[in-house]
């Protein structure tokens, strides 16, 4: 294989993987089956605290993060907390997937050119991907919550019928709809933390009109079981 041919092959692989990463990111953001029920409004922090369960929301396709308040009342479920827009979430997932794609390209280059420096670049890209994921996950969801302390309406409340809730799980299962692939190096460790405490379920995202994953890590096992039990009567 000539040097020119190698460059063409490597460039082609890079283009295919980056396009695939972008398509995958879009698929993750759009979620599952179409769903039109529900509403989205701005709320003041703590306004729904009475009679509700507060927990830590994993960064899933519902786009919530940090602490949320979940209320199940009169056939309706509401989740209130820090939530990023579809555009920001698409950028977040897309950037992480492009970094994985470039790491694969570097590994292919290491095999094609038989040079260890390409393998080193692949390792550096993997480390950088984890660092970027951690930094963005903290800043993108934390900043709205800080702003919400002084500005009403910064947090978001998503509301949908209890009857629209599907596939309620306690423990592992929060990483469905592709999130497990995006953060695969740490997904198994998070599964260990989620055991007995994290309640995840599929429900509508009124913005994208799709079913997405909501994942709430409760303070105690009892709270998790309580939340799961009140959600399950409406599951399909």
Protein backbone atom coordinates (compact mmCIF):
# COMPACT_ATOMS: atom_id res chain seq x y z
CA UNK A 1 0.00 0.00 0.00
CA UNK A 2 1.48 3.31 -1.09
CA UNK A 3 1.70 6.30 1.30
CA UNK A 4 -0.94 8.12 -0.74
CA UNK A 5 -3.30 5.14 -0.55
CA UNK A 6 -2.78 4.91 3.21
CA UNK A 7 -3.64 8.56 3.66
CA UNK A 8 -6.79 8.18 1.56
CA UNK A 9 -7.87 5.09 3.52
CA UNK A 10 -7.17 6.78 6.86
CA UNK A 11 -9.02 9.95 5.84
CA UNK A 12 -11.99 7.91 4.61
CA UNK A 13 -12.18 6.00 7.89
CA UNK A 14 -12.00 9.29 9.81
CA UNK A 15 -14.83 10.84 7.78
CA UNK A 16 -17.05 7.76 8.13
CA UNK A 17 -16.49 7.53 11.89
CA UNK A 18 -17.07 11.24 12.51
CA UNK A 19 -20.30 11.20 10.47
CA UNK A 20 -21.38 8.06 12.35
CA UNK A 21 -20.60 9.80 15.66
CA UNK A 22 -22.74 12.79 14.66
CA UNK A 23 -25.64 10.57 13.57
CA UNK A 24 -25.37 8.56 16.78
CA UNK A 25 -25.39 11.73 18.90
CA UNK A 26 -28.54 12.91 17.14
CA UNK A 27 -30.17 9.52 17.73
CA UNK A 28 -29.31 9.66 21.43
CA UNK A 29 -30.81 13.13 21.79
CA UNK A 30 -34.04 12.26 19.98
CA UNK A 31 -34.62 9.24 22.22
CA UNK A 32 -37.00 6.37 21.49
CA UNK A 33 -40.56 6.09 20.22
CA UNK A 34 -42.50 9.27 19.39
CA UNK A 35 -44.57 10.65 22.28
CA UNK A 36 -46.53 13.88 22.37
CA UNK A 37 -47.92 13.99 25.95
CA UNK A 38 -46.68 16.37 28.62
CA UNK A 39 -45.57 19.96 29.12
CA UNK A 40 -42.50 22.02 30.07
CA UNK A 41 -42.51 25.16 32.24
CA UNK A 42 -40.00 27.21 34.27
CA UNK A 43 -40.25 26.90 38.07
CA UNK A 44 -38.64 28.44 41.15
CA UNK A 45 -36.27 26.04 43.04
CA UNK A 46 -37.98 24.14 45.83
CA UNK A 47 -41.51 25.07 44.80
CA UNK A 48 -42.60 21.43 44.56
CA UNK A 49 -40.65 20.10 47.55
CA UNK A 50 -43.63 19.14 49.76
CA UNK A 51 -44.73 15.52 49.32
CA UNK A 52 -42.04 14.85 46.70
CA UNK A 53 -38.81 12.87 46.44
CA UNK A 54 -35.52 14.67 45.87
CA UNK A 55 -32.66 12.79 44.27
CA UNK A 56 -29.60 13.11 42.05
CA UNK A 57 -30.35 12.80 38.34
CA UNK A 58 -27.86 11.02 36.07
CA UNK A 59 -27.02 12.69 32.75
CA UNK A 60 -29.33 10.69 30.50
CA UNK A 61 -31.38 11.42 27.39
CA UNK A 62 -33.98 13.37 29.42
CA UNK A 63 -31.21 16.02 29.71
CA UNK A 64 -31.63 16.56 33.46
CA UNK A 65 -28.60 16.64 35.76
CA UNK A 66 -27.67 17.36 39.38
CA UNK A 67 -30.48 17.32 41.99
CA UNK A 68 -34.11 17.07 40.91
CA UNK A 69 -37.49 16.95 42.64
CA UNK A 70 -39.87 14.20 41.49
CA UNK A 71 -43.58 14.44 42.27
CA UNK A 72 -46.16 11.76 41.48
CA UNK A 73 -49.66 13.02 42.17
CA UNK A 74 -53.16 12.53 40.72
CA UNK A 75 -52.04 10.53 37.70
CA UNK A 76 -49.25 12.93 36.79
CA UNK A 77 -45.46 12.85 37.19
CA UNK A 78 -43.32 16.00 37.31
CA UNK A 79 -39.54 16.26 37.36
CA UNK A 80 -37.98 19.64 38.23
CA UNK A 81 -34.29 20.55 38.12
CA UNK A 82 -31.35 21.59 35.93
CA UNK A 83 -31.96 20.66 32.30
CA UNK A 84 -29.95 21.55 29.21
CA UNK A 85 -31.37 22.28 25.77
CA UNK A 86 -31.41 19.77 22.92
CA UNK A 87 -28.72 21.78 21.11
CA UNK A 88 -26.34 21.77 24.08
CA UNK A 89 -26.96 18.08 24.73
CA UNK A 90 -26.36 17.25 21.07
CA UNK A 91 -23.04 19.14 21.23
CA UNK A 92 -22.14 17.31 24.46
CA UNK A 93 -22.83 13.82 23.09
CA UNK A 94 -21.46 14.64 19.64
CA UNK A 95 -18.14 15.93 20.97
CA UNK A 96 -17.65 12.84 23.13
CA UNK A 97 -18.46 10.49 20.26
CA UNK A 98 -16.18 12.35 17.83
CA UNK A 99 -13.33 11.94 20.32
CA UNK A 100 -13.98 8.20 20.45
CA UNK A 101 -14.04 8.15 16.64
CA UNK A 102 -10.68 9.94 16.44
CA UNK A 103 -9.23 7.47 18.96
CA UNK A 104 -10.27 4.60 16.67
CA UNK A 105 -8.72 6.39 13.69
CA UNK A 106 -5.46 6.75 15.65
CA UNK A 107 -5.47 3.02 16.42
CA UNK A 108 -6.03 2.21 12.73
CA UNK A 109 -3.15 4.53 11.85
CA UNK A 110 -0.93 2.75 14.41
CA UNK A 111 -1.62 -0.57 12.65
CA UNK A 112 -1.25 0.84 9.13
CA UNK A 113 1.96 2.77 9.76
CA UNK A 114 3.29 0.50 12.53
CA UNK A 115 4.21 3.46 14.69
CA UNK A 116 3.63 3.48 18.43
CA UNK A 117 3.08 7.23 18.56
CA UNK A 118 -0.35 6.76 16.96
CA UNK A 119 -1.25 4.29 19.69
CA UNK A 120 -0.11 6.88 22.23
CA UNK A 121 -2.33 9.48 20.59
CA UNK A 122 -5.26 7.05 20.83
CA UNK A 123 -4.64 6.61 24.56
CA UNK A 124 -4.39 10.38 25.05
CA UNK A 125 -7.69 10.87 23.20
CA UNK A 126 -9.37 8.32 25.47
CA UNK A 127 -8.08 10.09 28.57
CA UNK A 128 -9.08 13.47 27.16
CA UNK A 129 -12.57 12.17 26.37
CA UNK A 130 -13.12 11.12 29.98
CA UNK A 131 -11.77 14.47 31.23
CA UNK A 132 -13.96 16.48 28.85
CA UNK A 133 -17.01 14.39 29.76
CA UNK A 134 -16.45 15.07 33.46
CA UNK A 135 -15.80 18.79 32.99
CA UNK A 136 -18.78 19.39 30.72
CA UNK A 137 -21.11 17.23 32.82
CA UNK A 138 -20.28 19.32 35.86
CA UNK A 139 -20.45 22.75 34.26
CA UNK A 140 -23.39 22.39 31.88
CA UNK A 141 -25.85 21.29 34.59
CA UNK A 142 -24.33 22.97 37.63
CA UNK A 143 -24.36 26.52 36.27
CA UNK A 144 -28.16 26.67 35.75
CA UNK A 145 -28.69 25.45 39.32
CA UNK A 146 -26.38 28.15 40.69
CA UNK A 147 -28.18 30.79 38.61
CA UNK A 148 -31.54 29.48 39.83
CA UNK A 149 -30.68 30.58 43.39
CA UNK A 150 -31.19 34.21 42.35
CA UNK A 151 -33.25 34.00 39.15
CA UNK A 152 -36.73 32.38 39.20
CA UNK A 153 -37.61 30.12 36.31
CA UNK A 154 -34.03 28.99 35.58
CA UNK A 155 -34.83 25.42 36.54
CA UNK A 156 -37.18 23.34 34.41
CA UNK A 157 -40.20 21.22 35.31
CA UNK A 158 -41.25 18.48 32.91
CA UNK A 159 -44.72 16.99 33.42
CA UNK A 160 -46.26 13.89 31.87
CA UNK A 161 -49.04 11.38 32.68
CA UNK A 162 -48.20 8.48 34.99
CA UNK A 163 -49.77 6.22 32.37
CA UNK A 164 -47.01 7.19 29.91
CA UNK A 165 -44.23 5.82 32.17
CA UNK A 166 -42.57 2.64 30.87
CA UNK A 167 -39.89 0.13 31.88
CA UNK A 168 -39.23 1.16 35.51
CA UNK A 169 -35.95 -0.27 36.85
CA UNK A 170 -34.02 0.01 40.10
CA UNK A 171 -30.22 -0.16 39.81
CA UNK A 172 -28.51 -0.79 36.47
CA UNK A 173 -30.46 0.22 33.38
CA UNK A 174 -30.05 4.00 33.57
CA UNK A 175 -27.54 3.90 30.67
CA UNK A 176 -29.93 2.66 27.98
CA UNK A 177 -30.59 4.57 24.73
CA UNK A 178 -26.87 4.72 23.95
CA UNK A 179 -25.50 6.52 27.03
CA UNK A 180 -23.61 3.40 28.10
CA UNK A 181 -21.64 3.53 24.86
CA UNK A 182 -20.84 7.23 25.21
CA UNK A 183 -19.30 6.81 28.69
CA UNK A 184 -18.44 3.10 28.60
CA UNK A 185 -15.22 3.40 30.68
CA UNK A 186 -17.18 4.53 33.76
CA UNK A 187 -20.64 3.04 33.09
CA UNK A 188 -19.93 -0.17 35.03
CA UNK A 189 -18.67 1.77 38.05
CA UNK A 190 -21.81 3.90 38.04
CA UNK A 191 -23.89 0.70 37.86
CA UNK A 192 -22.33 -0.27 41.18
CA UNK A 193 -23.35 3.05 42.74
CA UNK A 194 -26.83 2.78 41.23
CA UNK A 195 -27.60 -0.61 42.80
CA UNK A 196 -30.66 -0.31 45.00
CA UNK A 197 -30.78 3.50 44.76
CA UNK A 198 -31.25 4.63 41.16
CA UNK A 199 -34.78 4.53 39.73
CA UNK A 200 -34.77 4.80 35.94
CA UNK A 201 -37.72 4.75 33.58
CA UNK A 202 -38.82 5.74 30.09
CA UNK A 203 -41.24 8.63 29.78
CA UNK A 204 -42.06 11.44 27.31
CA UNK A 205 -39.82 14.40 26.64
CA UNK A 206 -42.39 17.06 25.66
CA UNK A 207 -39.68 19.00 23.79
CA UNK A 208 -38.45 16.29 21.41
CA UNK A 209 -41.75 14.35 21.43
CA UNK A 210 -39.85 11.13 22.20
CA UNK A 211 -39.55 8.66 25.04
CA UNK A 212 -36.34 9.34 26.98
CA UNK A 213 -34.62 7.99 30.10
CA UNK A 214 -35.18 9.60 33.50
CA UNK A 215 -32.76 8.30 36.17
CA UNK A 216 -33.05 9.48 39.78
CA UNK A 217 -30.58 8.34 42.44
CA UNK A 218 -32.46 8.45 45.76
CA UNK A 219 -31.04 9.02 49.23
CA UNK A 220 -32.08 5.60 50.54
CA UNK A 221 -33.08 2.18 49.21
CA UNK A 222 -36.53 2.69 50.74
CA UNK A 223 -37.04 5.97 48.86
CA UNK A 224 -35.99 4.26 45.63
CA UNK A 225 -38.44 1.41 46.18
CA UNK A 226 -41.18 3.91 47.07
CA UNK A 227 -40.62 5.94 43.91
CA UNK A 228 -40.48 2.81 41.76
CA UNK A 229 -43.72 1.46 43.27
CA UNK A 230 -45.71 4.66 42.61
CA UNK A 231 -44.43 4.77 39.03
CA UNK A 232 -45.08 1.12 38.19
CA UNK A 233 -48.91 1.20 38.21
CA UNK A 234 -48.72 3.26 35.04
CA UNK A 235 -46.02 1.21 33.27
CA UNK A 236 -46.62 -0.62 30.03
